[in-house]
Amino acid sequence: MSGTQRSTIKAGQEVEIVLKADQRTGKLTRGIVKDILTNSSNHPHGIKVRLADGQVGRVKNIVGQS
């Protein structure tokens, strides 16, 4: 599932994000959502989140949902 809608993302979910440094390559990083940083209900490039390990990026996929 795409990560462009804020309502589909919850703390504790496993997601794949693109870190700022990886935007050119599109390399995905997997982790557990700690905080949702985007305030708007949707964002065309993905909702920005902070993972449990402190990394920040935009959600590209929600793991375990299709």
N, C-alpha and C. Protein backbone atom coordinates (compact mmCIF):
# COMPACT_ATOMS: atom_id res chain seq x y z
N MET A 1 0.85 -1.18 0.00
CA MET A 1 0.00 0.00 0.00
C MET A 1 0.89 1.24 0.00
N SER A 2 0.45 2.23 -0.71
CA SER A 2 1.18 3.49 -0.81
C SER A 2 1.13 4.27 0.49
N GLY A 3 2.14 5.08 0.74
CA GLY A 3 2.23 5.85 1.97
C GLY A 3 1.86 7.32 1.79
N THR A 4 0.96 7.62 0.85
CA THR A 4 0.62 9.03 0.59
C THR A 4 -0.54 9.54 1.43
N GLN A 5 -1.31 8.65 2.08
CA GLN A 5 -2.44 9.04 2.91
C GLN A 5 -2.07 8.89 4.38
N ARG A 6 -2.19 9.97 5.14
CA ARG A 6 -1.82 9.96 6.56
C ARG A 6 -2.68 8.98 7.36
N SER A 7 -3.95 8.86 6.97
CA SER A 7 -4.89 8.01 7.72
C SER A 7 -4.53 6.53 7.68
N THR A 8 -3.70 6.10 6.71
CA THR A 8 -3.34 4.69 6.59
C THR A 8 -2.10 4.33 7.40
N ILE A 9 -1.44 5.34 7.98
CA ILE A 9 -0.19 5.12 8.71
C ILE A 9 -0.42 5.31 10.20
N LYS A 10 0.01 4.32 10.98
CA LYS A 10 -0.15 4.38 12.44
C LYS A 10 1.20 4.08 13.10
N ALA A 11 1.40 4.63 14.28
CA ALA A 11 2.60 4.32 15.06
C ALA A 11 2.62 2.82 15.35
N GLY A 12 3.80 2.22 15.23
CA GLY A 12 3.95 0.80 15.48
C GLY A 12 3.89 -0.05 14.22
N GLN A 13 3.50 0.54 13.09
CA GLN A 13 3.45 -0.20 11.83
C GLN A 13 4.84 -0.36 11.24
N GLU A 14 5.03 -1.44 10.49
CA GLU A 14 6.27 -1.62 9.75
C GLU A 14 6.08 -1.01 8.37
N VAL A 15 7.03 -0.15 7.98
CA VAL A 15 6.94 0.55 6.70
C VAL A 15 8.30 0.55 6.01
N GLU A 16 8.28 0.91 4.73
CA GLU A 16 9.50 1.14 3.98
C GLU A 16 9.52 2.63 3.62
N ILE A 17 10.64 3.30 3.95
CA ILE A 17 10.75 4.73 3.69
C ILE A 17 11.96 5.00 2.79
N VAL A 18 11.93 6.18 2.18
CA VAL A 18 13.10 6.69 1.45
C VAL A 18 13.69 7.81 2.29
N LEU A 19 14.95 7.64 2.69
CA LEU A 19 15.66 8.68 3.43
C LEU A 19 16.02 9.81 2.49
N LYS A 20 16.20 11.02 3.02
CA LYS A 20 16.57 12.18 2.20
C LYS A 20 17.82 11.88 1.37
N ALA A 21 18.81 11.25 1.97
CA ALA A 21 20.06 10.94 1.27
C ALA A 21 19.87 9.92 0.16
N ASP A 22 18.79 9.14 0.22
CA ASP A 22 18.56 8.07 -0.75
C ASP A 22 17.51 8.44 -1.80
N GLN A 23 17.07 9.71 -1.83
CA GLN A 23 16.01 10.08 -2.77
C GLN A 23 16.42 9.88 -4.22
N ARG A 24 17.68 10.14 -4.56
CA ARG A 24 18.12 9.98 -5.95
C ARG A 24 18.12 8.52 -6.38
N THR A 25 18.52 7.62 -5.49
CA THR A 25 18.60 6.20 -5.83
C THR A 25 17.29 5.47 -5.59
N GLY A 26 16.46 5.99 -4.68
CA GLY A 26 15.20 5.33 -4.35
C GLY A 26 15.36 4.15 -3.42
N LYS A 27 16.54 4.04 -2.78
CA LYS A 27 16.80 2.93 -1.84
C LYS A 27 15.82 3.00 -0.67
N LEU A 28 15.19 1.87 -0.37
CA LEU A 28 14.20 1.81 0.71
C LEU A 28 14.83 1.32 2.00
N THR A 29 14.37 1.89 3.11
CA THR A 29 14.79 1.50 4.45
C THR A 29 13.56 1.03 5.21
N ARG A 30 13.63 -0.15 5.81
CA ARG A 30 12.49 -0.71 6.52
C ARG A 30 12.61 -0.42 8.01
N GLY A 31 11.48 -0.13 8.65
CA GLY A 31 11.49 0.11 10.08
C GLY A 31 10.09 0.26 10.64
N ILE A 32 10.02 0.51 11.94
CA ILE A 32 8.76 0.67 12.66
C ILE A 32 8.51 2.16 12.90
N VAL A 33 7.29 2.62 12.59
CA VAL A 33 6.93 4.02 12.76
C VAL A 33 6.88 4.38 14.24
N LYS A 34 7.59 5.45 14.60
CA LYS A 34 7.53 5.99 15.96
C LYS A 34 6.64 7.23 15.99
N ASP A 35 6.91 8.19 15.06
CA ASP A 35 6.14 9.43 14.99
C ASP A 35 5.77 9.73 13.55
N ILE A 36 4.60 10.34 13.36
CA ILE A 36 4.20 10.84 12.05
C ILE A 36 4.48 12.33 12.04
N LEU A 37 5.31 12.79 11.10
CA LEU A 37 5.77 14.18 11.10
C LEU A 37 4.98 15.08 10.15
N THR A 38 4.31 14.52 9.15
CA THR A 38 3.52 15.31 8.21
C THR A 38 2.17 15.62 8.84
N ASN A 39 1.78 16.89 8.82
CA ASN A 39 0.50 17.29 9.42
C ASN A 39 -0.67 17.18 8.45
N SER A 40 -0.42 17.35 7.15
CA SER A 40 -1.52 17.31 6.17
C SER A 40 -2.04 15.88 6.01
N SER A 41 -3.26 15.74 5.50
CA SER A 41 -3.89 14.42 5.39
C SER A 41 -3.28 13.57 4.28
N ASN A 42 -2.64 14.22 3.30
CA ASN A 42 -1.94 13.46 2.27
C ASN A 42 -0.77 14.27 1.74
N HIS A 43 0.15 13.55 1.09
CA HIS A 43 1.33 14.20 0.50
C HIS A 43 1.73 13.37 -0.71
N PRO A 44 1.91 14.00 -1.87
CA PRO A 44 2.18 13.23 -3.10
C PRO A 44 3.47 12.41 -3.07
N HIS A 45 4.45 12.80 -2.27
CA HIS A 45 5.72 12.09 -2.21
C HIS A 45 5.79 11.12 -1.03
N GLY A 46 4.74 11.04 -0.25
CA GLY A 46 4.71 10.15 0.91
C GLY A 46 4.70 10.92 2.21
N ILE A 47 4.07 10.35 3.21
CA ILE A 47 3.98 10.97 4.54
C ILE A 47 5.33 10.82 5.23
N LYS A 48 5.82 11.92 5.81
CA LYS A 48 7.12 11.89 6.49
C LYS A 48 6.94 11.33 7.89
N VAL A 49 7.80 10.36 8.24
CA VAL A 49 7.73 9.71 9.55
C VAL A 49 9.12 9.59 10.16
N ARG A 50 9.15 9.40 11.48
CA ARG A 50 10.38 9.06 12.19
C ARG A 50 10.24 7.61 12.62
N LEU A 51 11.26 6.81 12.31
CA LEU A 51 11.26 5.41 12.70
C LEU A 51 11.73 5.25 14.14
N ALA A 52 11.53 4.07 14.69
CA ALA A 52 11.92 3.78 16.07
C ALA A 52 13.42 3.98 16.29
N ASP A 53 14.23 3.79 15.24
CA ASP A 53 15.68 3.97 15.36
C ASP A 53 16.13 5.40 15.11
N GLY A 54 15.17 6.33 14.88
CA GLY A 54 15.49 7.74 14.74
C GLY A 54 15.62 8.24 13.31
N GLN A 55 15.61 7.35 12.32
CA GLN A 55 15.73 7.78 10.93
C GLN A 55 14.43 8.43 10.47
N VAL A 56 14.56 9.46 9.61
CA VAL A 56 13.40 10.19 9.12
C VAL A 56 13.35 10.07 7.60
N GLY A 57 12.16 9.81 7.08
CA GLY A 57 11.99 9.72 5.64
C GLY A 57 10.52 9.67 5.27
N ARG A 58 10.27 9.56 3.97
CA ARG A 58 8.90 9.52 3.47
C ARG A 58 8.48 8.08 3.18
N VAL A 59 7.26 7.72 3.63
CA VAL A 59 6.75 6.36 3.48
C VAL A 59 6.47 6.07 2.01
N LYS A 60 7.03 4.98 1.51
CA LYS A 60 6.76 4.51 0.15
C LYS A 60 5.86 3.29 0.16
N ASN A 61 6.02 2.43 1.13
CA ASN A 61 5.20 1.21 1.24
C ASN A 61 4.88 0.93 2.69
N ILE A 62 3.68 0.39 2.90
CA ILE A 62 3.31 -0.12 4.22
C ILE A 62 3.45 -1.63 4.15
N VAL A 63 4.34 -2.21 4.94
CA VAL A 63 4.65 -3.64 4.87
C VAL A 63 3.49 -4.44 5.41
N GLY A 64 3.14 -5.52 4.70
CA GLY A 64 2.07 -6.42 5.15
C GLY A 64 0.71 -6.00 4.68
N GLN A 65 0.61 -4.92 3.92
CA GLN A 65 -0.68 -4.51 3.34
C GLN A 65 -0.47 -4.33 1.84
N SER A 66 -1.53 -4.59 1.07
CA SER A 66 -1.40 -4.42 -0.37
C SER A 66 -2.59 -3.68 -0.95
